[in-house]
Each structure stands twice: as C-alpha cells, then as structure tokens.
Amino acid sequence: MAIAKERGLDLVEVDPHADPPVCRLLDYGKWKYQQSKKEHDAHKHQKGLLLREVRMRPHIGEHDLERKLRLVERLLHEGDKVKVTIRFRGREMAHPETGHALLQRFCALLKDMAAVDRAANMQGRFLATILAPTNKKPPKVVKEAQEEQVGQT
C-alpha cells in the first residue's frame, strides 16, 4: 500500500482466493475507462438483427404477391428477419383459413431462403408469422432459368 501511495496508483486485488492474494498497482480510473472503450468498440461492429414487416391482404392479386415475395427475398438476403402480416377487414374475419392458406403458400415459395421462426398466429385482425434467413443459397438452376426468362423479354 505504501508503494501505491508513493507512485500515486491504486492497489487492486486481482485474485483474492490465491495464497497469497494477488494484487496489482494501476490507475483504476484509467483502467475502467479503457474497459468501457473496449466494450463500446465490440458493440460497434455488431449488426443488430432487424425485424422488418411486410403486410398484405388475404385476397391479394398474383402480381402483387410476386412483388411482395421479391421484397421479402431481398430483406432476407440482407440478413433481416421478416414479419409477414395479413390484415383482415370486415367480413374477411369470418374466413381466416384464406389467410392461413396464403401464408402457407408464401412460406412454401420461400422455403429455400427462409425458415419459419414463429408459426402463424392471429393477433386481433392480423395473422402474422416471422421468417428468419437461412444461410442456404437458392439453387443455380432456378436462378439461371429466371435470367434466361428476363433476357427473352
């Protein structure tokens, strides 16, 4: 303790259970500041997982559904989770099975890119499911066929 006072440092007990206890001489305020900087830098480089939402109606048109599908594919490719929500209005609430069928079809189309993180469930007027990205890449055969089709148009 006398050496610590003489040098203007703090005596910090590192391992109290050792025999004899282990202590270090250091500037405790400076050490605490450096630890907080290291922790802040570690968090800076982490990407927080985003939950993005895509909404649609149970009687959505085919072209609109394809557009939503491409949007969800892009979001999954970026690494975000996607909440697919179907909103029921008025008499549509009497037939939730149409929404369930639509969600099943939607998830089947995305089975190569996404895994169902949370199954479909009703939340008031909304039927929602959460899709999480998988690390699988879509098959090249399908991708090449799509590129050929675009080239012919």
C-alpha atoms as a PDB file:
ATOM      1  CA  MET A   1       0.000   0.000   0.000  1.00  0.00           C
ATOM      2  CA  ALA A   2       2.914   2.302   0.714  1.00  0.00           C
ATOM      3  CA  ILE A   3       4.330   1.731  -2.803  1.00  0.00           C
ATOM      4  CA  ALA A   4       0.897   2.509  -4.327  1.00  0.00           C
ATOM      5  CA  LYS A   5       0.638   5.788  -2.379  1.00  0.00           C
ATOM      6  CA  GLU A   6       4.186   6.700  -3.301  1.00  0.00           C
ATOM      7  CA  ARG A   7       3.552   6.194  -7.039  1.00  0.00           C
ATOM      8  CA  GLY A   8       0.064   7.719  -6.991  1.00  0.00           C
ATOM      9  CA  LEU A   9      -1.615   4.487  -8.145  1.00  0.00           C
ATOM     10  CA  ASP A  10      -4.326   2.197  -6.798  1.00  0.00           C
ATOM     11  CA  LEU A  11      -3.749  -1.225  -5.287  1.00  0.00           C
ATOM     12  CA  VAL A  12      -6.267  -3.577  -6.960  1.00  0.00           C
ATOM     13  CA  GLU A  13      -6.864  -7.085  -5.683  1.00  0.00           C
ATOM     14  CA  VAL A  14      -6.898  -9.387  -8.751  1.00  0.00           C
ATOM     15  CA  ASP A  15      -7.348 -12.816  -7.146  1.00  0.00           C
ATOM     16  CA  PRO A  16      -8.465 -12.799  -3.503  1.00  0.00           C
ATOM     17  CA  HIS A  17      -8.627 -16.616  -3.275  1.00  0.00           C
ATOM     18  CA  ALA A  18      -4.961 -17.225  -4.136  1.00  0.00           C
ATOM     19  CA  ASP A  19      -2.436 -17.857  -1.420  1.00  0.00           C
ATOM     20  CA  PRO A  20      -1.094 -15.153  -1.017  1.00  0.00           C
ATOM     21  CA  PRO A  21      -3.762 -12.867  -2.577  1.00  0.00           C
ATOM     22  CA  VAL A  22      -2.683 -11.342  -5.908  1.00  0.00           C
ATOM     23  CA  CYS A  23      -2.719  -7.538  -6.232  1.00  0.00           C
ATOM     24  CA  ARG A  24      -1.686  -5.082  -8.976  1.00  0.00           C
ATOM     25  CA  LEU A  25      -0.630  -1.470  -8.993  1.00  0.00           C
ATOM     26  CA  LEU A  26      -2.616   0.509 -11.578  1.00  0.00           C
ATOM     27  CA  ASP A  27      -4.604   3.652 -12.156  1.00  0.00           C
ATOM     28  CA  TYR A  28      -8.105   2.273 -11.570  1.00  0.00           C
ATOM     29  CA  GLY A  29      -9.951   5.165 -13.268  1.00  0.00           C
ATOM     30  CA  LYS A  30      -7.841   4.828 -16.425  1.00  0.00           C
ATOM     31  CA  TRP A  31      -8.297   1.021 -16.443  1.00  0.00           C
ATOM     32  CA  LYS A  32     -12.074   1.342 -16.072  1.00  0.00           C
ATOM     33  CA  TYR A  33     -12.175   3.884 -18.939  1.00  0.00           C
ATOM     34  CA  GLN A  34     -10.170   1.547 -21.209  1.00  0.00           C
ATOM     35  CA  GLN A  35     -12.508  -1.361 -20.403  1.00  0.00           C
ATOM     36  CA  SER A  36     -15.570   0.718 -21.313  1.00  0.00           C
ATOM     37  CA  LYS A  37     -13.902   1.784 -24.610  1.00  0.00           C
ATOM     38  CA  LYS A  38     -13.161  -1.873 -25.483  1.00  0.00           C
ATOM     39  CA  GLU A  39     -16.749  -2.837 -24.724  1.00  0.00           C
ATOM     40  CA  HIS A  40     -18.092   0.060 -26.818  1.00  0.00           C
ATOM     41  CA  ASP A  41     -15.861  -0.892 -29.777  1.00  0.00           C
ATOM     42  CA  ALA A  42     -17.001  -4.522 -29.552  1.00  0.00           C
ATOM     43  CA  HIS A  43     -20.651  -3.431 -29.754  1.00  0.00           C
ATOM     44  CA  LYS A  44     -19.964  -1.006 -32.592  1.00  0.00           C
ATOM     45  CA  HIS A  45     -19.008  -3.780 -35.005  1.00  0.00           C
ATOM     46  CA  GLN A  46     -22.049  -5.930 -34.266  1.00  0.00           C
ATOM     47  CA  LYS A  47     -25.051  -5.673 -36.549  1.00  0.00           C
ATOM     48  CA  GLY A  48     -28.327  -5.748 -34.678  1.00  0.00           C
ATOM     49  CA  LEU A  49     -30.876  -8.072 -36.215  1.00  0.00           C
ATOM     50  CA  LEU A  50     -33.716  -6.080 -37.635  1.00  0.00           C
ATOM     51  CA  LEU A  51     -37.300  -7.258 -37.793  1.00  0.00           C
ATOM     52  CA  ARG A  52     -38.881  -5.925 -40.969  1.00  0.00           C
ATOM     53  CA  GLU A  53     -42.613  -6.206 -41.678  1.00  0.00           C
ATOM     54  CA  VAL A  54     -44.419  -6.887 -44.946  1.00  0.00           C
ATOM     55  CA  ARG A  55     -48.208  -6.504 -44.941  1.00  0.00           C
ATOM     56  CA  MET A  56     -50.796  -7.802 -47.355  1.00  0.00           C
ATOM     57  CA  ARG A  57     -54.481  -8.659 -47.621  1.00  0.00           C
ATOM     58  CA  PRO A  58     -55.961 -12.175 -47.904  1.00  0.00           C
ATOM     59  CA  HIS A  59     -57.286 -11.580 -51.456  1.00  0.00           C
ATOM     60  CA  ILE A  60     -54.055 -10.181 -52.898  1.00  0.00           C
ATOM     61  CA  GLY A  61     -53.523 -10.252 -56.657  1.00  0.00           C
ATOM     62  CA  GLU A  62     -50.994 -12.661 -58.171  1.00  0.00           C
ATOM     63  CA  HIS A  63     -48.671  -9.929 -59.437  1.00  0.00           C
ATOM     64  CA  ASP A  64     -48.830  -8.077 -56.101  1.00  0.00           C
ATOM     65  CA  LEU A  65     -47.973 -11.318 -54.298  1.00  0.00           C
ATOM     66  CA  GLU A  66     -44.924 -11.826 -56.534  1.00  0.00           C
ATOM     67  CA  ARG A  67     -43.808  -8.278 -55.777  1.00  0.00           C
ATOM     68  CA  LYS A  68     -44.115  -8.883 -52.018  1.00  0.00           C
ATOM     69  CA  LEU A  69     -42.226 -12.149 -52.481  1.00  0.00           C
ATOM     70  CA  ARG A  70     -39.314 -10.352 -54.183  1.00  0.00           C
ATOM     71  CA  LEU A  71     -39.285  -7.754 -51.395  1.00  0.00           C
ATOM     72  CA  VAL A  72     -39.135 -10.444 -48.704  1.00  0.00           C
ATOM     73  CA  GLU A  73     -36.368 -12.268 -50.612  1.00  0.00           C
ATOM     74  CA  ARG A  74     -34.316  -9.064 -50.698  1.00  0.00           C
ATOM     75  CA  LEU A  75     -34.820  -8.421 -46.974  1.00  0.00           C
ATOM     76  CA  LEU A  76     -33.860 -11.993 -46.108  1.00  0.00           C
ATOM     77  CA  HIS A  77     -30.795 -11.733 -48.350  1.00  0.00           C
ATOM     78  CA  GLU A  78     -29.728  -8.643 -46.356  1.00  0.00           C
ATOM     79  CA  GLY A  79     -29.896 -10.778 -43.201  1.00  0.00           C
ATOM     80  CA  ASP A  80     -33.017  -9.330 -41.584  1.00  0.00           C
ATOM     81  CA  LYS A  81     -35.888 -11.257 -40.076  1.00  0.00           C
ATOM     82  CA  VAL A  82     -39.216 -10.601 -41.790  1.00  0.00           C
ATOM     83  CA  LYS A  83     -42.652 -10.498 -40.205  1.00  0.00           C
ATOM     84  CA  VAL A  84     -45.248 -11.360 -42.845  1.00  0.00           C
ATOM     85  CA  THR A  85     -48.633  -9.986 -41.806  1.00  0.00           C
ATOM     86  CA  ILE A  86     -52.043 -10.487 -43.370  1.00  0.00           C
ATOM     87  CA  ARG A  87     -54.624  -7.877 -42.407  1.00  0.00           C
ATOM     88  CA  PHE A  88     -58.300  -8.846 -42.344  1.00  0.00           C
ATOM     89  CA  ARG A  89     -61.025  -6.246 -42.776  1.00  0.00           C
ATOM     90  CA  GLY A  90     -64.768  -6.542 -42.272  1.00  0.00           C
ATOM     91  CA  ARG A  91     -66.247  -9.857 -43.458  1.00  0.00           C
ATOM     92  CA  GLU A  92     -62.784 -11.249 -44.202  1.00  0.00           C
ATOM     93  CA  MET A  93     -62.529 -12.002 -40.459  1.00  0.00           C
ATOM     94  CA  ALA A  94     -65.136 -14.749 -40.942  1.00  0.00           C
ATOM     95  CA  HIS A  95     -62.707 -16.730 -43.150  1.00  0.00           C
ATOM     96  CA  PRO A  96     -59.245 -16.790 -41.567  1.00  0.00           C
ATOM     97  CA  GLU A  97     -58.486 -20.026 -43.452  1.00  0.00           C
ATOM     98  CA  THR A  98     -57.864 -17.979 -46.626  1.00  0.00           C
ATOM     99  CA  GLY A  99     -55.123 -16.090 -44.786  1.00  0.00           C
ATOM    100  CA  HIS A 100     -53.621 -19.312 -43.437  1.00  0.00           C
ATOM    101  CA  ALA A 101     -53.578 -20.803 -46.945  1.00  0.00           C
ATOM    102  CA  LEU A 102     -51.909 -17.662 -48.324  1.00  0.00           C
ATOM    103  CA  LEU A 103     -49.236 -17.702 -45.608  1.00  0.00           C
ATOM    104  CA  GLN A 104     -48.535 -21.396 -46.183  1.00  0.00           C
ATOM    105  CA  ARG A 105     -48.163 -20.771 -49.912  1.00  0.00           C
ATOM    106  CA  PHE A 106     -45.915 -17.765 -49.243  1.00  0.00           C
ATOM    107  CA  CYS A 107     -43.687 -19.757 -46.864  1.00  0.00           C
ATOM    108  CA  ALA A 108     -43.518 -22.664 -49.325  1.00  0.00           C
ATOM    109  CA  LEU A 109     -42.230 -20.303 -52.026  1.00  0.00           C
ATOM    110  CA  LEU A 110     -39.512 -19.077 -49.638  1.00  0.00           C
ATOM    111  CA  LYS A 111     -38.523 -22.437 -48.126  1.00  0.00           C
ATOM    112  CA  ASP A 112     -35.078 -22.286 -49.796  1.00  0.00           C
ATOM    113  CA  MET A 113     -34.220 -18.891 -48.318  1.00  0.00           C
ATOM    114  CA  ALA A 114     -36.073 -18.760 -45.002  1.00  0.00           C
ATOM    115  CA  ALA A 115     -37.061 -20.797 -42.010  1.00  0.00           C
ATOM    116  CA  VAL A 116     -40.226 -20.154 -40.046  1.00  0.00           C
ATOM    117  CA  ASP A 117     -39.083 -18.562 -36.797  1.00  0.00           C
ATOM    118  CA  ARG A 118     -42.584 -18.222 -35.343  1.00  0.00           C
ATOM    119  CA  ALA A 119     -45.606 -20.047 -36.718  1.00  0.00           C
ATOM    120  CA  ALA A 120     -48.684 -18.221 -37.960  1.00  0.00           C
ATOM    121  CA  ASN A 121     -50.984 -16.927 -35.241  1.00  0.00           C
ATOM    122  CA  MET A 122     -53.847 -14.457 -35.042  1.00  0.00           C
ATOM    123  CA  GLN A 123     -53.283 -11.170 -33.239  1.00  0.00           C
ATOM    124  CA  GLY A 124     -56.620  -9.389 -33.397  1.00  0.00           C
ATOM    125  CA  ARG A 125     -57.281  -8.540 -37.075  1.00  0.00           C
ATOM    126  CA  PHE A 126     -53.802  -9.651 -38.114  1.00  0.00           C
ATOM    127  CA  LEU A 127     -52.410 -13.062 -38.971  1.00  0.00           C
ATOM    128  CA  ALA A 128     -48.624 -12.989 -38.649  1.00  0.00           C
ATOM    129  CA  THR A 129     -45.605 -15.227 -38.982  1.00  0.00           C
ATOM    130  CA  ILE A 130     -41.904 -14.468 -38.645  1.00  0.00           C
ATOM    131  CA  LEU A 131     -39.352 -15.737 -41.153  1.00  0.00           C
ATOM    132  CA  ALA A 132     -35.627 -15.914 -40.406  1.00  0.00           C
ATOM    133  CA  PRO A 133     -32.959 -16.090 -43.096  1.00  0.00           C
ATOM    134  CA  THR A 134     -31.103 -19.343 -43.670  1.00  0.00           C
ATOM    135  CA  ASN A 135     -27.582 -19.482 -44.983  1.00  0.00           C
ATOM    136  CA  LYS A 136     -28.589 -21.595 -47.960  1.00  0.00           C
ATOM    137  CA  LYS A 137     -28.253 -20.063 -51.391  1.00  0.00           C
ATOM    138  CA  PRO A 138     -31.070 -20.555 -53.913  1.00  0.00           C
ATOM    139  CA  PRO A 139     -30.342 -23.298 -56.472  1.00  0.00           C
ATOM    140  CA  LYS A 140     -28.423 -22.051 -59.517  1.00  0.00           C
ATOM    141  CA  VAL A 141     -30.693 -23.931 -61.947  1.00  0.00           C
ATOM    142  CA  VAL A 142     -33.703 -21.835 -60.935  1.00  0.00           C
ATOM    143  CA  LYS A 143     -31.603 -18.645 -60.955  1.00  0.00           C
ATOM    144  CA  GLU A 144     -30.317 -19.340 -64.485  1.00  0.00           C
ATOM    145  CA  ALA A 145     -33.846 -20.056 -65.723  1.00  0.00           C
ATOM    146  CA  GLN A 146     -35.007 -16.714 -64.325  1.00  0.00           C
ATOM    147  CA  GLU A 147     -32.128 -14.891 -66.022  1.00  0.00           C
ATOM    148  CA  GLU A 148     -32.947 -16.545 -69.372  1.00  0.00           C
ATOM    149  CA  GLN A 149     -36.589 -15.564 -68.996  1.00  0.00           C
ATOM    150  CA  VAL A 150     -35.628 -11.940 -68.310  1.00  0.00           C
ATOM    151  CA  GLY A 151     -33.302 -11.960 -71.340  1.00  0.00           C
ATOM    152  CA  GLN A 152     -36.129 -13.151 -73.618  1.00  0.00           C
ATOM    153  CA  THR A 153     -38.462 -10.344 -72.584  1.00  0.00           C
END
